[in-house]
Each structure stands twice: as C-alpha cells, then as structure tokens.
Amino acid sequence: MPSMDLESSTGLDSFHYTLSTPTDANAEATAEGTPTLVLIHPIVLASEIFHPIYADPRLRRFNLLTMDLRGHGLTSAGADDTYGPETAARDVLNLMDALKVRAAHVMGLSYGSCVALQMTISAPERVLSLFILSPLPLTEPPEIIAGRNEIWDCWMDAFSDPQNVDTLALADMLTGGMQLGWNNRETNLGKVLVTNAIPHAIRNWAPQNFDLFQAVTMKFYMNRIPHSVESLARIRCPVAIVHCSEDIAYPIHHAEELLNLMLCAGIDAQLVSIEDAPHCGNITHFEE
C-alpha cells in the first residue's frame, strides 16, 4: 500500500492509499475500461475497514481505491482548525487526479459519508453514483457531541503522563468507539480492526499531535455546514442512502431528513434499511 505526495490546502502532503485492480491487489494504475469504486472510511478506523470488499470476488472485478484521510492510518498529512468535509473531499479528488481517475462510483461510511457527499456536490461530474452507509445527520446532535467530548477526555487522560500511557483510559475510549461502531458485538474482523487501529492512533494522536487529533475528531464535525436543497441540486448521479436499524447514535429519521431534501432537489435517491445492523453494518452484515 503506497503513499503519494499531493498538493493540498496545507502544502505538499503524503497520503497513504490502496489501489486494487482485477489482476493486481496492489496496483499503481487503474485497469483501463474498468469501473472504479472509491471507498471513504469512518473515523478512527482507516481504509482497512473495507477489507470485506477487497476480499469479495464480486467486487474485485473493479478498480477499488481507498485513501487514509488526514490523521488516520498511515497518512502523514496535517490538519488545522478549518478542517472539514470540503478539505477531505478535495484530498480524495486530488488523489483521483493523480491516478488519472476521471470519474468513479463513491461509497462513504459514517464520517466518510460527509466526504463522499461533499465530493458529489463540489465535483458532480466526478461521481457516477453515491452510496452512503450510516450517513451522519445534517447537523450533529448535542448528545453525540457530548459523547465525542468524553472520548476526547479519555484520550487526553491516557496521555497525561506521556512516559506512562494509561492503557485503561485508552480502553475506555475504544469501548465508546465500539459501542457506536458495532454495539460491542464480538466479531473476529472487529477485533482485528481495533488491534490494528491502536498503534496508528497512538502515533497520529500522540501529545505532539493533539491539535491534529482535535481537528480530525472534533473540529471536523463542528465545521460541517448543513446542506441546502440548492447545494444538493448540484448532484447529478443516483444516490443510495443505507441506514442500519440498530444504529444507537443516529435513528433513521436523520437519514429520512436527508432523503427528503434530496428528493426536493430532484435527485434520484432511495433509502434502504439493513435490519439488526449496527452503525458500521459492513462489519457485521457485509452480505446485506
């Protein structure tokens, strides 16, 4: 999985990505004449959360492209207080430019749904279809912001003495994340994803990078501006909104609100619900 230096709002930054084609699991260029699917990950867990897609022969027929967003995985790009979906969307589009991907089908999960939606608004000619799984509400509910603040506090407590990191505080933070992600359900993939994410998070969000941690986990949500019907009307492609019925943070009415706005904007949009699935339903209900 290589990295690429891209010109961005913060200068020349290094972004880690994975590109697979039908014949090459770690390709440097897309297979010509083959559709490309761009996958945008949620918070904390980076591109590896899409492992089931890369392992599915039905989907390996296509070019599959993922990128670790700022402050995640192996990407080393920084972020300032203005970081939000617009910057993240431009990062993904810059990577598509560098790989000569003119247009793609785009899937965004949770946090990544904001990025995918912004791409579709900012550059509608670049997105052939939009699939957003567990999309975030137009504005973040106060109780969810409070929960994210608790996670922030746990992380800060864990590093109050950088020479003796409090692993119990880290465990509290990860428990909160798993409660949101998959309702604490035990899955082998979930365990591996958490184990893999810990060293990346410690490296990316260590005390010297607390500003980056705050930018990508807190400011990102605060800098979101609710989309209007007028802005959504820029979307030209079909949209699938997928809600997971056991999502403990975001009830279906949030997805319904987004759907109604899209329909008012004249978009070919539909809403589908996956029964018994938690927020990151692709971990527990991949087939569905």
C-alpha atoms as a PDB file:
ATOM      1  CA  MET A   1       0.000   0.000   0.000  1.00  0.00           C
ATOM      2  CA  PRO A   2       1.913   3.061  -1.251  1.00  0.00           C
ATOM      3  CA  SER A   3       1.847   6.732  -0.321  1.00  0.00           C
ATOM      4  CA  MET A   4       1.660   9.695  -2.656  1.00  0.00           C
ATOM      5  CA  ASP A   5       2.646  13.321  -2.181  1.00  0.00           C
ATOM      6  CA  LEU A   6      -0.232  15.591  -3.155  1.00  0.00           C
ATOM      7  CA  GLU A   7      -0.528  19.365  -3.261  1.00  0.00           C
ATOM      8  CA  SER A   8      -3.244  20.342  -0.814  1.00  0.00           C
ATOM      9  CA  SER A   9      -4.540  23.219   1.284  1.00  0.00           C
ATOM     10  CA  THR A  10      -1.658  22.669   3.726  1.00  0.00           C
ATOM     11  CA  GLY A  11       1.075  22.322   1.104  1.00  0.00           C
ATOM     12  CA  LEU A  12       2.685  19.120  -0.153  1.00  0.00           C
ATOM     13  CA  ASP A  13       1.372  16.266   1.998  1.00  0.00           C
ATOM     14  CA  SER A  14       1.783  12.490   1.947  1.00  0.00           C
ATOM     15  CA  PHE A  15      -1.382  10.376   1.647  1.00  0.00           C
ATOM     16  CA  HIS A  16      -1.480   6.622   2.034  1.00  0.00           C
ATOM     17  CA  TYR A  17      -3.730   4.738  -0.387  1.00  0.00           C
ATOM     18  CA  THR A  18      -4.575   1.302  -1.753  1.00  0.00           C
ATOM     19  CA  LEU A  19      -5.490   0.607  -5.361  1.00  0.00           C
ATOM     20  CA  SER A  20      -6.540  -2.860  -6.485  1.00  0.00           C
ATOM     21  CA  THR A  21      -7.492  -3.975  -9.979  1.00  0.00           C
ATOM     22  CA  PRO A  22      -8.970  -7.288 -11.133  1.00  0.00           C
ATOM     23  CA  THR A  23      -5.446  -8.617 -11.708  1.00  0.00           C
ATOM     24  CA  ASP A  24      -3.303  -6.731  -9.182  1.00  0.00           C
ATOM     25  CA  ALA A  25      -4.017  -6.411  -5.450  1.00  0.00           C
ATOM     26  CA  ASN A  26      -1.525  -3.535  -5.111  1.00  0.00           C
ATOM     27  CA  ALA A  27      -1.618  -1.699  -8.402  1.00  0.00           C
ATOM     28  CA  GLU A  28      -0.013   1.583  -9.440  1.00  0.00           C
ATOM     29  CA  ALA A  29      -2.617   2.383 -12.103  1.00  0.00           C
ATOM     30  CA  THR A  30      -6.241   1.526 -12.735  1.00  0.00           C
ATOM     31  CA  ALA A  31      -7.244  -1.102 -15.273  1.00  0.00           C
ATOM     32  CA  GLU A  32      -8.457   0.761 -18.344  1.00  0.00           C
ATOM     33  CA  GLY A  33     -12.088   0.266 -19.288  1.00  0.00           C
ATOM     34  CA  THR A  34     -12.929  -0.994 -15.788  1.00  0.00           C
ATOM     35  CA  PRO A  35     -15.196   0.985 -13.431  1.00  0.00           C
ATOM     36  CA  THR A  36     -13.569   2.414 -10.308  1.00  0.00           C
ATOM     37  CA  LEU A  37     -15.107   2.313  -6.826  1.00  0.00           C
ATOM     38  CA  VAL A  38     -13.741   4.844  -4.319  1.00  0.00           C
ATOM     39  CA  LEU A  39     -14.245   3.918  -0.641  1.00  0.00           C
ATOM     40  CA  ILE A  40     -14.076   6.533   2.136  1.00  0.00           C
ATOM     41  CA  HIS A  41     -13.617   5.291   5.690  1.00  0.00           C
ATOM     42  CA  PRO A  42     -15.172   6.404   9.019  1.00  0.00           C
ATOM     43  CA  ILE A  43     -13.423   7.995  11.992  1.00  0.00           C
ATOM     44  CA  VAL A  44     -10.583   6.158  13.847  1.00  0.00           C
ATOM     45  CA  LEU A  45     -10.658   3.037  11.645  1.00  0.00           C
ATOM     46  CA  ALA A  46      -8.928   3.756   8.348  1.00  0.00           C
ATOM     47  CA  SER A  47      -9.067   2.032   4.962  1.00  0.00           C
ATOM     48  CA  GLU A  48      -8.706  -1.462   6.403  1.00  0.00           C
ATOM     49  CA  ILE A  49     -12.376  -1.330   7.432  1.00  0.00           C
ATOM     50  CA  PHE A  50     -13.150  -2.131   3.784  1.00  0.00           C
ATOM     51  CA  HIS A  51     -11.324  -5.468   3.930  1.00  0.00           C
ATOM     52  CA  PRO A  52     -14.550  -7.435   3.215  1.00  0.00           C
ATOM     53  CA  ILE A  53     -14.980  -5.509  -0.034  1.00  0.00           C
ATOM     54  CA  TYR A  54     -11.413  -6.195  -1.153  1.00  0.00           C
ATOM     55  CA  ALA A  55     -11.905  -9.873  -0.257  1.00  0.00           C
ATOM     56  CA  ASP A  56     -15.121 -10.231  -2.264  1.00  0.00           C
ATOM     57  CA  PRO A  57     -14.518 -11.630  -5.778  1.00  0.00           C
ATOM     58  CA  ARG A  58     -17.736  -9.980  -6.969  1.00  0.00           C
ATOM     59  CA  LEU A  59     -16.238  -6.571  -6.209  1.00  0.00           C
ATOM     60  CA  ARG A  60     -12.655  -7.368  -7.163  1.00  0.00           C
ATOM     61  CA  ARG A  61     -13.875  -7.257 -10.762  1.00  0.00           C
ATOM     62  CA  PHE A  62     -13.492  -3.469 -10.462  1.00  0.00           C
ATOM     63  CA  ASN A  63     -10.787  -0.969  -9.616  1.00  0.00           C
ATOM     64  CA  LEU A  64     -11.003  -0.436  -5.829  1.00  0.00           C
ATOM     65  CA  LEU A  65      -9.441   2.711  -4.361  1.00  0.00           C
ATOM     66  CA  THR A  66      -9.188   3.779  -0.731  1.00  0.00           C
ATOM     67  CA  MET A  67      -7.193   6.533   0.972  1.00  0.00           C
ATOM     68  CA  ASP A  68      -6.371   7.092   4.652  1.00  0.00           C
ATOM     69  CA  LEU A  69      -7.779  10.530   5.461  1.00  0.00           C
ATOM     70  CA  ARG A  70      -5.800  13.126   7.416  1.00  0.00           C
ATOM     71  CA  GLY A  71      -4.935  11.986  10.913  1.00  0.00           C
ATOM     72  CA  HIS A  72      -5.747   8.364  10.106  1.00  0.00           C
ATOM     73  CA  GLY A  73      -3.847   5.202   9.254  1.00  0.00           C
ATOM     74  CA  LEU A  74      -0.507   5.780   7.553  1.00  0.00           C
ATOM     75  CA  THR A  75      -1.271   9.205   6.063  1.00  0.00           C
ATOM     76  CA  SER A  76       1.040  11.885   7.461  1.00  0.00           C
ATOM     77  CA  ALA A  77      -0.830  14.989   6.269  1.00  0.00           C
ATOM     78  CA  GLY A  78      -1.696  17.530   8.960  1.00  0.00           C
ATOM     79  CA  ALA A  79      -4.935  19.430   9.545  1.00  0.00           C
ATOM     80  CA  ASP A  80      -5.805  22.815  11.024  1.00  0.00           C
ATOM     81  CA  ASP A  81      -8.860  24.230  12.793  1.00  0.00           C
ATOM     82  CA  THR A  82     -10.693  24.706   9.477  1.00  0.00           C
ATOM     83  CA  TYR A  83     -10.564  21.004   8.579  1.00  0.00           C
ATOM     84  CA  GLY A  84     -13.905  19.661   7.415  1.00  0.00           C
ATOM     85  CA  PRO A  85     -15.625  17.726   4.613  1.00  0.00           C
ATOM     86  CA  GLU A  86     -14.578  20.251   1.957  1.00  0.00           C
ATOM     87  CA  THR A  87     -10.849  19.744   2.584  1.00  0.00           C
ATOM     88  CA  ALA A  88     -11.222  15.969   2.857  1.00  0.00           C
ATOM     89  CA  ALA A  89     -13.247  15.840  -0.377  1.00  0.00           C
ATOM     90  CA  ARG A  90     -10.581  17.841  -2.188  1.00  0.00           C
ATOM     91  CA  ASP A  91      -7.922  15.412  -0.911  1.00  0.00           C
ATOM     92  CA  VAL A  92      -9.780  12.447  -2.430  1.00  0.00           C
ATOM     93  CA  LEU A  93     -10.323  14.291  -5.700  1.00  0.00           C
ATOM     94  CA  ASN A  94      -6.607  15.189  -5.797  1.00  0.00           C
ATOM     95  CA  LEU A  95      -5.733  11.508  -5.437  1.00  0.00           C
ATOM     96  CA  MET A  96      -8.148  10.639  -8.239  1.00  0.00           C
ATOM     97  CA  ASP A  97      -6.446  13.282 -10.400  1.00  0.00           C
ATOM     98  CA  ALA A  98      -3.008  11.858  -9.655  1.00  0.00           C
ATOM     99  CA  LEU A  99      -4.166   8.351 -10.585  1.00  0.00           C
ATOM    100  CA  LYS A 100      -5.974   9.665 -13.678  1.00  0.00           C
ATOM    101  CA  VAL A 101      -9.406   8.535 -12.450  1.00  0.00           C
ATOM    102  CA  ARG A 102     -11.775  10.844 -14.300  1.00  0.00           C
ATOM    103  CA  ALA A 103     -14.932   9.665 -12.527  1.00  0.00           C
ATOM    104  CA  ALA A 104     -15.849   6.925 -10.071  1.00  0.00           C
ATOM    105  CA  HIS A 105     -18.615   5.326  -8.071  1.00  0.00           C
ATOM    106  CA  VAL A 106     -18.182   6.540  -4.484  1.00  0.00           C
ATOM    107  CA  MET A 107     -19.034   4.867  -1.186  1.00  0.00           C
ATOM    108  CA  GLY A 108     -18.751   6.682   2.148  1.00  0.00           C
ATOM    109  CA  LEU A 109     -19.215   5.158   5.598  1.00  0.00           C
ATOM    110  CA  SER A 110     -20.296   7.362   8.545  1.00  0.00           C
ATOM    111  CA  TYR A 111     -17.636  10.123   8.771  1.00  0.00           C
ATOM    112  CA  GLY A 112     -16.734   9.191   5.213  1.00  0.00           C
ATOM    113  CA  SER A 113     -20.323   9.792   4.083  1.00  0.00           C
ATOM    114  CA  CYS A 114     -19.822  13.539   4.695  1.00  0.00           C
ATOM    115  CA  VAL A 115     -16.729  13.463   2.492  1.00  0.00           C
ATOM    116  CA  ALA A 116     -18.436  11.455  -0.244  1.00  0.00           C
ATOM    117  CA  LEU A 117     -21.473  13.737  -0.241  1.00  0.00           C
ATOM    118  CA  GLN A 118     -19.273  16.828  -0.429  1.00  0.00           C
ATOM    119  CA  MET A 119     -17.371  15.345  -3.385  1.00  0.00           C
ATOM    120  CA  THR A 120     -20.671  14.807  -5.173  1.00  0.00           C
ATOM    121  CA  ILE A 121     -21.670  18.436  -4.585  1.00  0.00           C
ATOM    122  CA  SER A 122     -18.281  20.045  -5.267  1.00  0.00           C
ATOM    123  CA  ALA A 123     -17.437  17.991  -8.373  1.00  0.00           C
ATOM    124  CA  PRO A 124     -20.659  16.351  -9.602  1.00  0.00           C
ATOM    125  CA  GLU A 125     -19.059  15.325 -12.879  1.00  0.00           C
ATOM    126  CA  ARG A 126     -16.554  13.144 -10.981  1.00  0.00           C
ATOM    127  CA  VAL A 127     -19.113  10.949  -9.166  1.00  0.00           C
ATOM    128  CA  LEU A 128     -21.084   8.364 -11.190  1.00  0.00           C
ATOM    129  CA  SER A 129     -23.112   7.083  -8.238  1.00  0.00           C
ATOM    130  CA  LEU A 130     -23.138   7.714  -4.495  1.00  0.00           C
ATOM    131  CA  PHE A 131     -23.611   5.035  -1.831  1.00  0.00           C
ATOM    132  CA  ILE A 132     -23.614   6.353   1.740  1.00  0.00           C
ATOM    133  CA  LEU A 133     -23.773   3.864   4.594  1.00  0.00           C
ATOM    134  CA  SER A 134     -24.855   5.198   8.012  1.00  0.00           C
ATOM    135  CA  PRO A 135     -24.702   8.849   6.925  1.00  0.00           C
ATOM    136  CA  LEU A 136     -24.258  11.449   9.636  1.00  0.00           C
ATOM    137  CA  PRO A 137     -27.121  13.861  10.330  1.00  0.00           C
ATOM    138  CA  LEU A 138     -27.145  17.256   8.623  1.00  0.00           C
ATOM    139  CA  THR A 139     -26.045  18.664  11.996  1.00  0.00           C
ATOM    140  CA  GLU A 140     -24.522  16.675  14.844  1.00  0.00           C
ATOM    141  CA  PRO A 141     -26.963  16.137  17.772  1.00  0.00           C
ATOM    142  CA  PRO A 142     -25.790  17.713  21.083  1.00  0.00           C
ATOM    143  CA  GLU A 143     -25.765  14.357  22.882  1.00  0.00           C
ATOM    144  CA  ILE A 144     -23.434  12.883  20.263  1.00  0.00           C
ATOM    145  CA  ILE A 145     -21.112  15.868  20.538  1.00  0.00           C
ATOM    146  CA  ALA A 146     -21.081  15.289  24.309  1.00  0.00           C
ATOM    147  CA  GLY A 147     -20.133  11.651  23.721  1.00  0.00           C
ATOM    148  CA  ARG A 148     -17.296  12.654  21.426  1.00  0.00           C
ATOM    149  CA  ASN A 149     -16.088  15.082  24.091  1.00  0.00           C
ATOM    150  CA  GLU A 150     -15.984  12.185  26.571  1.00  0.00           C
ATOM    151  CA  ILE A 151     -13.830  10.187  24.160  1.00  0.00           C
ATOM    152  CA  TRP A 152     -11.536  13.218  23.769  1.00  0.00           C
ATOM    153  CA  ASP A 153     -11.256  13.494  27.563  1.00  0.00           C
ATOM    154  CA  CYS A 154     -10.377   9.788  27.867  1.00  0.00           C
ATOM    155  CA  TRP A 155      -7.640  10.151  25.270  1.00  0.00           C
ATOM    156  CA  MET A 156      -6.192  13.239  26.973  1.00  0.00           C
ATOM    157  CA  ASP A 157      -6.239  11.426  30.318  1.00  0.00           C
ATOM    158  CA  ALA A 158      -4.419   8.477  28.806  1.00  0.00           C
ATOM    159  CA  PHE A 159      -1.529  10.730  27.768  1.00  0.00           C
ATOM    160  CA  SER A 160      -1.413  12.964  30.857  1.00  0.00           C
ATOM    161  CA  ASP A 161       1.958  11.310  31.542  1.00  0.00           C
ATOM    162  CA  PRO A 162       3.466  10.588  28.097  1.00  0.00           C
ATOM    163  CA  GLN A 163       6.090   8.330  29.672  1.00  0.00           C
ATOM    164  CA  ASN A 164       3.398   6.109  31.202  1.00  0.00           C
ATOM    165  CA  VAL A 165       0.437   5.932  28.862  1.00  0.00           C
ATOM    166  CA  ASP A 166      -2.730   4.921  30.730  1.00  0.00           C
ATOM    167  CA  THR A 167      -3.925   1.895  28.800  1.00  0.00           C
ATOM    168  CA  LEU A 168      -7.122   1.714  30.883  1.00  0.00           C
ATOM    169  CA  ALA A 169      -8.159   5.183  29.673  1.00  0.00           C
ATOM    170  CA  LEU A 170      -7.401   4.087  26.103  1.00  0.00           C
ATOM    171  CA  ALA A 171      -9.580   1.039  26.656  1.00  0.00           C
ATOM    172  CA  ASP A 172     -12.435   3.315  27.806  1.00  0.00           C
ATOM    173  CA  MET A 173     -12.105   5.317  24.602  1.00  0.00           C
ATOM    174  CA  LEU A 174     -12.079   2.213  22.420  1.00  0.00           C
ATOM    175  CA  THR A 175     -15.097   0.842  24.275  1.00  0.00           C
ATOM    176  CA  GLY A 176     -17.002   4.007  23.427  1.00  0.00           C
ATOM    177  CA  GLY A 177     -15.956   3.706  19.819  1.00  0.00           C
ATOM    178  CA  MET A 178     -17.028   0.070  19.614  1.00  0.00           C
ATOM    179  CA  GLN A 179     -20.374   0.898  21.209  1.00  0.00           C
ATOM    180  CA  LEU A 180     -21.002   3.343  18.398  1.00  0.00           C
ATOM    181  CA  GLY A 181     -19.445   1.236  15.646  1.00  0.00           C
ATOM    182  CA  TRP A 182     -20.918  -2.205  16.226  1.00  0.00           C
ATOM    183  CA  ASN A 183     -22.738  -2.145  19.563  1.00  0.00           C
ATOM    184  CA  ASN A 184     -19.919  -4.114  21.220  1.00  0.00           C
ATOM    185  CA  ARG A 185     -20.732  -7.206  19.176  1.00  0.00           C
ATOM    186  CA  GLU A 186     -17.884  -9.704  19.099  1.00  0.00           C
ATOM    187  CA  THR A 187     -16.584 -10.340  15.589  1.00  0.00           C
ATOM    188  CA  ASN A 188     -13.162 -11.540  14.509  1.00  0.00           C
ATOM    189  CA  LEU A 189     -12.873  -8.714  11.989  1.00  0.00           C
ATOM    190  CA  GLY A 190     -13.851  -6.135  14.608  1.00  0.00           C
ATOM    191  CA  LYS A 191     -11.144  -7.380  16.988  1.00  0.00           C
ATOM    192  CA  VAL A 192      -8.505  -7.237  14.263  1.00  0.00           C
ATOM    193  CA  LEU A 193      -9.558  -3.745  13.175  1.00  0.00           C
ATOM    194  CA  VAL A 194      -9.310  -2.384  16.723  1.00  0.00           C
ATOM    195  CA  THR A 195      -5.946  -4.081  17.311  1.00  0.00           C
ATOM    196  CA  ASN A 196      -4.636  -2.634  14.042  1.00  0.00           C
ATOM    197  CA  ALA A 197      -6.006   0.857  14.748  1.00  0.00           C
ATOM    198  CA  ILE A 198      -4.390   1.290  18.187  1.00  0.00           C
ATOM    199  CA  PRO A 199      -0.753   1.802  17.067  1.00  0.00           C
ATOM    200  CA  HIS A 200      -1.835   4.126  14.246  1.00  0.00           C
ATOM    201  CA  ALA A 201      -3.949   6.199  16.647  1.00  0.00           C
ATOM    202  CA  ILE A 202      -1.153   6.389  19.239  1.00  0.00           C
ATOM    203  CA  ARG A 203       1.311   7.537  16.580  1.00  0.00           C
ATOM    204  CA  ASN A 204      -1.050  10.006  14.862  1.00  0.00           C
ATOM    205  CA  TRP A 205      -2.607  11.432  18.026  1.00  0.00           C
ATOM    206  CA  ALA A 206       0.295  11.448  20.484  1.00  0.00           C
ATOM    207  CA  PRO A 207       0.722  14.586  22.660  1.00  0.00           C
ATOM    208  CA  GLN A 208       2.741  16.400  19.996  1.00  0.00           C
ATOM    209  CA  ASN A 209      -0.190  15.882  17.611  1.00  0.00           C
ATOM    210  CA  PHE A 210      -3.100  16.761  19.913  1.00  0.00           C
ATOM    211  CA  ASP A 211      -4.040  19.623  17.577  1.00  0.00           C
ATOM    212  CA  LEU A 212      -4.356  17.135  14.717  1.00  0.00           C
ATOM    213  CA  PHE A 213      -6.424  14.812  16.906  1.00  0.00           C
ATOM    214  CA  GLN A 214      -8.795  17.644  17.796  1.00  0.00           C
ATOM    215  CA  ALA A 215      -9.028  18.782  14.171  1.00  0.00           C
ATOM    216  CA  VAL A 216      -9.970  15.390  12.717  1.00  0.00           C
ATOM    217  CA  THR A 217     -12.142  14.085  15.570  1.00  0.00           C
ATOM    218  CA  MET A 218     -13.844  17.262  16.856  1.00  0.00           C
ATOM    219  CA  LYS A 219     -13.426  20.264  14.540  1.00  0.00           C
ATOM    220  CA  PHE A 220     -14.418  18.166  11.524  1.00  0.00           C
ATOM    221  CA  TYR A 221     -17.920  17.826  12.976  1.00  0.00           C
ATOM    222  CA  MET A 222     -18.130  21.413  14.153  1.00  0.00           C
ATOM    223  CA  ASN A 223     -17.075  22.762  10.748  1.00  0.00           C
ATOM    224  CA  ARG A 224     -19.860  20.947   8.915  1.00  0.00           C
ATOM    225  CA  ILE A 225     -22.475  23.209   7.345  1.00  0.00           C
ATOM    226  CA  PRO A 226     -25.927  21.674   6.707  1.00  0.00           C
ATOM    227  CA  HIS A 227     -26.551  21.207   3.005  1.00  0.00           C
ATOM    228  CA  SER A 228     -29.409  23.160   1.484  1.00  0.00           C
ATOM    229  CA  VAL A 229     -31.737  21.955  -1.252  1.00  0.00           C
ATOM    230  CA  GLU A 230     -29.910  24.356  -3.579  1.00  0.00           C
ATOM    231  CA  SER A 231     -26.497  22.824  -2.897  1.00  0.00           C
ATOM    232  CA  LEU A 232     -27.823  19.272  -3.127  1.00  0.00           C
ATOM    233  CA  ALA A 233     -29.353  20.129  -6.506  1.00  0.00           C
ATOM    234  CA  ARG A 234     -25.819  20.099  -7.932  1.00  0.00           C
ATOM    235  CA  ILE A 235     -25.791  16.294  -7.604  1.00  0.00           C
ATOM    236  CA  ARG A 236     -26.279  14.570 -10.958  1.00  0.00           C
ATOM    237  CA  CYS A 237     -25.932  10.889 -10.064  1.00  0.00           C
ATOM    238  CA  PRO A 238     -28.214   8.334  -8.392  1.00  0.00           C
ATOM    239  CA  VAL A 239     -27.866   8.104  -4.606  1.00  0.00           C
ATOM    240  CA  ALA A 240     -28.417   5.178  -2.233  1.00  0.00           C
ATOM    241  CA  ILE A 241     -28.745   6.046   1.453  1.00  0.00           C
ATOM    242  CA  VAL A 242     -28.350   2.981   3.674  1.00  0.00           C
ATOM    243  CA  HIS A 243     -29.408   3.087   7.314  1.00  0.00           C
ATOM    244  CA  CYS A 244     -28.563   0.399   9.871  1.00  0.00           C
ATOM    245  CA  SER A 245     -31.580  -0.306  12.088  1.00  0.00           C
ATOM    246  CA  GLU A 246     -29.582  -0.852  15.309  1.00  0.00           C
ATOM    247  CA  ASP A 247     -27.566   2.361  14.990  1.00  0.00           C
ATOM    248  CA  ILE A 248     -27.555   3.596  18.607  1.00  0.00           C
ATOM    249  CA  ALA A 249     -26.406   7.122  17.751  1.00  0.00           C
ATOM    250  CA  TYR A 250     -28.379   8.066  14.654  1.00  0.00           C
ATOM    251  CA  PRO A 251     -32.026   6.953  14.343  1.00  0.00           C
ATOM    252  CA  ILE A 252     -33.497   6.578  10.883  1.00  0.00           C
ATOM    253  CA  HIS A 253     -35.229   9.966  10.965  1.00  0.00           C
ATOM    254  CA  HIS A 254     -31.848  11.591  10.258  1.00  0.00           C
ATOM    255  CA  ALA A 255     -31.487   9.554   7.058  1.00  0.00           C
ATOM    256  CA  GLU A 256     -35.101  10.311   6.167  1.00  0.00           C
ATOM    257  CA  GLU A 257     -34.418  14.037   6.529  1.00  0.00           C
ATOM    258  CA  LEU A 258     -31.514  13.779   4.099  1.00  0.00           C
ATOM    259  CA  LEU A 259     -33.600  11.713   1.686  1.00  0.00           C
ATOM    260  CA  ASN A 260     -36.434  14.252   1.717  1.00  0.00           C
ATOM    261  CA  LEU A 261     -34.042  17.097   0.965  1.00  0.00           C
ATOM    262  CA  MET A 262     -32.565  15.133  -1.920  1.00  0.00           C
ATOM    263  CA  LEU A 263     -35.983  14.356  -3.343  1.00  0.00           C
ATOM    264  CA  CYS A 264     -36.898  18.042  -3.091  1.00  0.00           C
ATOM    265  CA  ALA A 265     -33.705  18.773  -5.035  1.00  0.00           C
ATOM    266  CA  GLY A 266     -34.834  16.413  -7.799  1.00  0.00           C
ATOM    267  CA  ILE A 267     -32.203  13.763  -7.094  1.00  0.00           C
ATOM    268  CA  ASP A 268     -32.720  10.100  -7.961  1.00  0.00           C
ATOM    269  CA  ALA A 269     -32.344   8.941  -4.341  1.00  0.00           C
ATOM    270  CA  GLN A 270     -33.539   5.978  -2.302  1.00  0.00           C
ATOM    271  CA  LEU A 271     -33.313   4.932   1.342  1.00  0.00           C
ATOM    272  CA  VAL A 272     -32.736   1.316   2.364  1.00  0.00           C
ATOM    273  CA  SER A 273     -32.583  -0.069   5.914  1.00  0.00           C
ATOM    274  CA  ILE A 274     -30.486  -3.076   6.977  1.00  0.00           C
ATOM    275  CA  GLU A 275     -32.241  -4.852   9.827  1.00  0.00           C
ATOM    276  CA  ASP A 276     -30.341  -5.706  13.013  1.00  0.00           C
ATOM    277  CA  ALA A 277     -27.179  -3.992  11.773  1.00  0.00           C
ATOM    278  CA  PRO A 278     -25.142  -1.574  13.950  1.00  0.00           C
ATOM    279  CA  HIS A 279     -23.656   1.728  12.779  1.00  0.00           C
ATOM    280  CA  CYS A 280     -20.773   0.054  10.917  1.00  0.00           C
ATOM    281  CA  GLY A 281     -23.030  -2.566   9.420  1.00  0.00           C
ATOM    282  CA  ASN A 282     -20.415  -3.567   6.861  1.00  0.00           C
ATOM    283  CA  ILE A 283     -18.551  -5.328   9.710  1.00  0.00           C
ATOM    284  CA  THR A 284     -21.447  -7.473  10.933  1.00  0.00           C
ATOM    285  CA  HIS A 285     -23.751  -7.595   7.886  1.00  0.00           C
ATOM    286  CA  PHE A 286     -21.397  -7.437   4.929  1.00  0.00           C
ATOM    287  CA  GLU A 287     -23.549  -9.600   2.649  1.00  0.00           C
ATOM    288  CA  GLU A 288     -26.615  -7.469   3.214  1.00  0.00           C
END
